[in-house]
Amino acid sequence: MSLSMFNMWVSILGMALLFIAFVTIYVSRFKLKNRVLKFFTTFIAYICLISGSVMMIYIVFSGPTS
């Protein structure tokens, strides 16, 4: 797999993780009443947010590929 294809898949995965973080934060804040379940979904959301952000930072700073 070329570097360009790898960067494409990393960016798609990063965007998916950011979207999952958005959805789980929304669900945990507005839809859930159970405190344990709220904590679990918020924890998962922040893990996805941090992972997706690191992937996006990698893509931005890796520069163009040839």
N, C-alpha and C. Protein backbone atom coordinates (compact mmCIF):
# COMPACT_ATOMS: atom_id res chain seq x y z
N MET A 1 0.85 -1.16 0.00
CA MET A 1 0.00 0.00 0.00
C MET A 1 0.90 1.24 0.00
N SER A 2 0.55 2.18 -0.84
CA SER A 2 1.36 3.39 -0.94
C SER A 2 1.07 4.32 0.24
N LEU A 3 1.95 5.29 0.42
CA LEU A 3 1.81 6.25 1.51
C LEU A 3 0.54 7.09 1.35
N SER A 4 0.19 7.41 0.12
CA SER A 4 -1.02 8.19 -0.13
C SER A 4 -2.27 7.43 0.28
N MET A 5 -2.33 6.15 -0.05
CA MET A 5 -3.49 5.34 0.35
C MET A 5 -3.55 5.17 1.86
N PHE A 6 -2.40 4.99 2.49
CA PHE A 6 -2.35 4.88 3.94
C PHE A 6 -2.88 6.15 4.60
N ASN A 7 -2.44 7.31 4.09
CA ASN A 7 -2.92 8.58 4.63
C ASN A 7 -4.42 8.76 4.42
N MET A 8 -4.93 8.28 3.29
CA MET A 8 -6.37 8.37 3.05
C MET A 8 -7.14 7.55 4.08
N TRP A 9 -6.71 6.33 4.33
CA TRP A 9 -7.40 5.48 5.29
C TRP A 9 -7.28 6.02 6.71
N VAL A 10 -6.13 6.58 7.05
CA VAL A 10 -5.96 7.17 8.38
C VAL A 10 -6.89 8.37 8.54
N SER A 11 -7.03 9.19 7.52
CA SER A 11 -7.90 10.36 7.63
C SER A 11 -9.37 9.95 7.71
N ILE A 12 -9.78 8.92 6.98
CA ILE A 12 -11.16 8.43 7.05
C ILE A 12 -11.44 7.86 8.44
N LEU A 13 -10.49 7.10 8.97
CA LEU A 13 -10.65 6.56 10.31
C LEU A 13 -10.71 7.68 11.36
N GLY A 14 -9.88 8.70 11.20
CA GLY A 14 -9.90 9.83 12.12
C GLY A 14 -11.23 10.56 12.09
N MET A 15 -11.77 10.78 10.89
CA MET A 15 -13.08 11.44 10.78
C MET A 15 -14.18 10.58 11.39
N ALA A 16 -14.11 9.26 11.19
CA ALA A 16 -15.11 8.37 11.78
C ALA A 16 -15.05 8.41 13.30
N LEU A 17 -13.83 8.43 13.86
CA LEU A 17 -13.69 8.50 15.31
C LEU A 17 -14.22 9.82 15.86
N LEU A 18 -13.98 10.91 15.15
CA LEU A 18 -14.52 12.20 15.59
C LEU A 18 -16.05 12.21 15.54
N PHE A 19 -16.63 11.59 14.54
CA PHE A 19 -18.08 11.50 14.45
C PHE A 19 -18.65 10.62 15.57
N ILE A 20 -17.99 9.51 15.85
CA ILE A 20 -18.42 8.64 16.94
C ILE A 20 -18.35 9.39 18.27
N ALA A 21 -17.30 10.19 18.45
CA ALA A 21 -17.18 11.00 19.67
C ALA A 21 -18.33 11.98 19.78
N PHE A 22 -18.68 12.63 18.68
CA PHE A 22 -19.79 13.58 18.68
C PHE A 22 -21.10 12.90 19.07
N VAL A 23 -21.38 11.76 18.47
CA VAL A 23 -22.64 11.06 18.73
C VAL A 23 -22.70 10.56 20.18
N THR A 24 -21.62 9.98 20.67
CA THR A 24 -21.65 9.43 22.03
C THR A 24 -21.71 10.54 23.08
N ILE A 25 -21.09 11.67 22.87
CA ILE A 25 -21.21 12.78 23.81
C ILE A 25 -22.64 13.29 23.83
N TYR A 26 -23.26 13.41 22.65
CA TYR A 26 -24.66 13.85 22.59
C TYR A 26 -25.57 12.88 23.34
N VAL A 27 -25.37 11.59 23.09
CA VAL A 27 -26.21 10.58 23.75
C VAL A 27 -26.00 10.60 25.26
N SER A 28 -24.75 10.69 25.69
CA SER A 28 -24.50 10.64 27.13
C SER A 28 -25.02 11.87 27.86
N ARG A 29 -25.02 13.02 27.21
CA ARG A 29 -25.46 14.24 27.90
C ARG A 29 -26.96 14.43 27.87
N PHE A 30 -27.61 14.06 26.80
CA PHE A 30 -29.02 14.39 26.65
C PHE A 30 -29.98 13.21 26.69
N LYS A 31 -29.52 12.00 26.49
CA LYS A 31 -30.43 10.87 26.37
C LYS A 31 -30.34 9.87 27.53
N LEU A 32 -29.19 9.77 28.18
CA LEU A 32 -29.01 8.75 29.21
C LEU A 32 -29.29 9.32 30.60
N LYS A 33 -29.86 8.50 31.46
CA LYS A 33 -30.13 8.90 32.84
C LYS A 33 -29.24 8.14 33.83
N ASN A 34 -28.80 6.96 33.48
CA ASN A 34 -27.97 6.14 34.34
C ASN A 34 -26.56 6.72 34.41
N ARG A 35 -26.08 7.01 35.63
CA ARG A 35 -24.79 7.67 35.79
C ARG A 35 -23.62 6.79 35.37
N VAL A 36 -23.70 5.50 35.61
CA VAL A 36 -22.61 4.59 35.23
C VAL A 36 -22.51 4.51 33.70
N LEU A 37 -23.66 4.38 33.06
CA LEU A 37 -23.68 4.33 31.60
C LEU A 37 -23.23 5.65 30.99
N LYS A 38 -23.60 6.76 31.63
CA LYS A 38 -23.14 8.08 31.17
C LYS A 38 -21.63 8.18 31.24
N PHE A 39 -21.05 7.72 32.35
CA PHE A 39 -19.60 7.77 32.51
C PHE A 39 -18.91 6.91 31.46
N PHE A 40 -19.43 5.72 31.23
CA PHE A 40 -18.83 4.80 30.26
C PHE A 40 -18.86 5.38 28.85
N THR A 41 -20.01 5.91 28.43
CA THR A 41 -20.10 6.47 27.08
C THR A 41 -19.26 7.73 26.93
N THR A 42 -19.19 8.54 27.98
CA THR A 42 -18.35 9.73 27.93
C THR A 42 -16.88 9.35 27.84
N PHE A 43 -16.48 8.32 28.58
CA PHE A 43 -15.09 7.85 28.53
C PHE A 43 -14.74 7.36 27.13
N ILE A 44 -15.63 6.58 26.52
CA ILE A 44 -15.41 6.10 25.15
C ILE A 44 -15.34 7.28 24.19
N ALA A 45 -16.20 8.27 24.39
CA ALA A 45 -16.22 9.43 23.50
C ALA A 45 -14.91 10.20 23.57
N TYR A 46 -14.38 10.39 24.77
CA TYR A 46 -13.13 11.14 24.88
C TYR A 46 -11.95 10.35 24.32
N ILE A 47 -11.97 9.04 24.46
CA ILE A 47 -10.92 8.21 23.84
C ILE A 47 -10.99 8.37 22.32
N CYS A 48 -12.19 8.32 21.75
CA CYS A 48 -12.36 8.50 20.30
C CYS A 48 -11.94 9.90 19.87
N LEU A 49 -12.28 10.91 20.67
CA LEU A 49 -11.93 12.29 20.35
C LEU A 49 -10.41 12.48 20.33
N ILE A 50 -9.73 11.96 21.31
CA ILE A 50 -8.27 12.11 21.37
C ILE A 50 -7.61 11.34 20.23
N SER A 51 -8.07 10.11 19.98
CA SER A 51 -7.48 9.30 18.89
C SER A 51 -7.71 9.96 17.53
N GLY A 52 -8.93 10.42 17.29
CA GLY A 52 -9.23 11.08 16.02
C GLY A 52 -8.45 12.37 15.84
N SER A 53 -8.27 13.11 16.92
CA SER A 53 -7.50 14.35 16.83
C SER A 53 -6.03 14.08 16.52
N VAL A 54 -5.48 13.07 17.15
CA VAL A 54 -4.07 12.71 16.87
C VAL A 54 -3.92 12.28 15.42
N MET A 55 -4.88 11.53 14.90
CA MET A 55 -4.81 11.11 13.50
C MET A 55 -4.90 12.30 12.56
N MET A 56 -5.77 13.25 12.86
CA MET A 56 -5.90 14.43 12.00
C MET A 56 -4.63 15.29 12.07
N ILE A 57 -4.03 15.41 13.24
CA ILE A 57 -2.77 16.16 13.36
C ILE A 57 -1.68 15.48 12.54
N TYR A 58 -1.64 14.14 12.58
CA TYR A 58 -0.67 13.42 11.76
C TYR A 58 -0.87 13.71 10.28
N ILE A 59 -2.11 13.68 9.82
CA ILE A 59 -2.40 13.91 8.40
C ILE A 59 -2.02 15.33 8.00
N VAL A 60 -2.34 16.30 8.84
CA VAL A 60 -2.05 17.68 8.50
C VAL A 60 -0.55 17.93 8.43
N PHE A 61 0.19 17.42 9.39
CA PHE A 61 1.62 17.69 9.44
C PHE A 61 2.47 16.74 8.61
N SER A 62 1.88 15.68 8.05
CA SER A 62 2.67 14.78 7.21
C SER A 62 2.95 15.38 5.84
N GLY A 63 2.15 16.37 5.46
CA GLY A 63 2.40 17.07 4.21
C GLY A 63 1.90 16.31 3.01
N PRO A 64 2.08 16.89 1.84
CA PRO A 64 1.62 16.23 0.62
C PRO A 64 2.48 15.02 0.29
N THR A 65 1.86 14.05 -0.36
CA THR A 65 2.59 12.86 -0.82
C THR A 65 2.64 12.87 -2.33
N SER A 66 3.64 12.22 -2.84
CA SER A 66 3.79 12.21 -4.30
C SER A 66 3.46 10.85 -4.87
